[in-house]
Amino acid sequence: MTDLWSALCLVAVLEGLLLFAMPDAWRRAAEQLHAMPNGKLRAVGALVVAIGLAALVLVRM
């Protein structure tokens, strides 16, 4: 459970760094996401989840 909380904290740190370092780029990316249809967003989300799980498996080996 500690690993899960550590991972969630790391995600928050990375998100915060992106907002701090590149707020305009982050805003443009959010606007582009807002303009995408739901089906495409779901496909991108599924792809990111699959890549993340595969990376996690490789890191844990």
C-alpha atoms as a PDB file:
ATOM      1  CA  MET A   1       0.000   0.000   0.000  1.00  0.00           C
ATOM      2  CA  THR A   2       2.929   2.311   0.660  1.00  0.00           C
ATOM      3  CA  ASP A   3       4.081   1.826  -2.937  1.00  0.00           C
ATOM      4  CA  LEU A   4       0.672   2.911  -4.213  1.00  0.00           C
ATOM      5  CA  TRP A   5       0.712   6.097  -2.151  1.00  0.00           C
ATOM      6  CA  SER A   6       4.300   6.776  -3.217  1.00  0.00           C
ATOM      7  CA  ALA A   7       3.324   6.382  -6.861  1.00  0.00           C
ATOM      8  CA  LEU A   8       0.330   8.703  -6.475  1.00  0.00           C
ATOM      9  CA  CYS A   9       2.508  11.309  -4.771  1.00  0.00           C
ATOM     10  CA  LEU A  10       5.037  11.063  -7.584  1.00  0.00           C
ATOM     11  CA  VAL A  11       2.262  11.622 -10.139  1.00  0.00           C
ATOM     12  CA  ALA A  12       1.217  14.746  -8.238  1.00  0.00           C
ATOM     13  CA  VAL A  13       4.804  16.016  -8.193  1.00  0.00           C
ATOM     14  CA  LEU A  14       5.215  15.454 -11.946  1.00  0.00           C
ATOM     15  CA  GLU A  15       1.878  17.119 -12.748  1.00  0.00           C
ATOM     16  CA  GLY A  16       2.818  20.060 -10.550  1.00  0.00           C
ATOM     17  CA  LEU A  17       6.206  20.391 -12.227  1.00  0.00           C
ATOM     18  CA  LEU A  18       4.575  20.510 -15.650  1.00  0.00           C
ATOM     19  CA  LEU A  19       2.118  23.181 -14.515  1.00  0.00           C
ATOM     20  CA  PHE A  20       4.923  25.170 -12.876  1.00  0.00           C
ATOM     21  CA  ALA A  21       7.442  24.902 -15.719  1.00  0.00           C
ATOM     22  CA  MET A  22       5.161  25.125 -18.775  1.00  0.00           C
ATOM     23  CA  PRO A  23       1.724  26.528 -17.920  1.00  0.00           C
ATOM     24  CA  ASP A  24       0.958  27.744 -21.459  1.00  0.00           C
ATOM     25  CA  ALA A  25       1.847  24.409 -23.060  1.00  0.00           C
ATOM     26  CA  TRP A  26      -0.221  22.584 -20.441  1.00  0.00           C
ATOM     27  CA  ARG A  27      -3.197  24.861 -21.137  1.00  0.00           C
ATOM     28  CA  ARG A  28      -2.918  24.279 -24.910  1.00  0.00           C
ATOM     29  CA  ALA A  29      -2.766  20.530 -24.343  1.00  0.00           C
ATOM     30  CA  ALA A  30      -5.851  20.674 -22.123  1.00  0.00           C
ATOM     31  CA  GLU A  31      -7.712  22.673 -24.790  1.00  0.00           C
ATOM     32  CA  GLN A  32      -6.781  20.086 -27.416  1.00  0.00           C
ATOM     33  CA  LEU A  33      -8.030  17.305 -25.151  1.00  0.00           C
ATOM     34  CA  HIS A  34     -11.280  19.197 -24.622  1.00  0.00           C
ATOM     35  CA  ALA A  35     -11.790  19.372 -28.400  1.00  0.00           C
ATOM     36  CA  MET A  36     -11.266  15.611 -28.933  1.00  0.00           C
ATOM     37  CA  PRO A  37     -14.286  13.316 -29.240  1.00  0.00           C
ATOM     38  CA  ASN A  38     -14.938  10.944 -26.315  1.00  0.00           C
ATOM     39  CA  GLY A  39     -14.153   7.816 -28.324  1.00  0.00           C
ATOM     40  CA  LYS A  40     -10.709   9.077 -29.234  1.00  0.00           C
ATOM     41  CA  LEU A  41     -10.022  10.147 -25.634  1.00  0.00           C
ATOM     42  CA  ARG A  42     -10.996   6.675 -24.416  1.00  0.00           C
ATOM     43  CA  ALA A  43      -8.691   5.063 -26.977  1.00  0.00           C
ATOM     44  CA  VAL A  44      -5.785   7.282 -25.934  1.00  0.00           C
ATOM     45  CA  GLY A  45      -6.551   6.581 -22.260  1.00  0.00           C
ATOM     46  CA  ALA A  46      -6.604   2.830 -22.872  1.00  0.00           C
ATOM     47  CA  LEU A  47      -3.290   3.055 -24.727  1.00  0.00           C
ATOM     48  CA  VAL A  48      -1.683   5.029 -21.891  1.00  0.00           C
ATOM     49  CA  VAL A  49      -2.954   2.498 -19.338  1.00  0.00           C
ATOM     50  CA  ALA A  50      -1.569  -0.401 -21.391  1.00  0.00           C
ATOM     51  CA  ILE A  51       1.818   1.289 -21.798  1.00  0.00           C
ATOM     52  CA  GLY A  52       1.913   2.123 -18.090  1.00  0.00           C
ATOM     53  CA  LEU A  53       1.098  -1.444 -17.077  1.00  0.00           C
ATOM     54  CA  ALA A  54       3.700  -2.845 -19.464  1.00  0.00           C
ATOM     55  CA  ALA A  55       6.317  -0.430 -18.091  1.00  0.00           C
ATOM     56  CA  LEU A  56       5.374  -1.399 -14.538  1.00  0.00           C
ATOM     57  CA  VAL A  57       5.801  -5.082 -15.340  1.00  0.00           C
ATOM     58  CA  LEU A  58       9.229  -4.405 -16.868  1.00  0.00           C
ATOM     59  CA  VAL A  59      10.342  -2.287 -13.905  1.00  0.00           C
ATOM     60  CA  ARG A  60       9.190  -4.887 -11.380  1.00  0.00           C
ATOM     61  CA  MET A  61      11.104  -7.756 -13.042  1.00  0.00           C
END
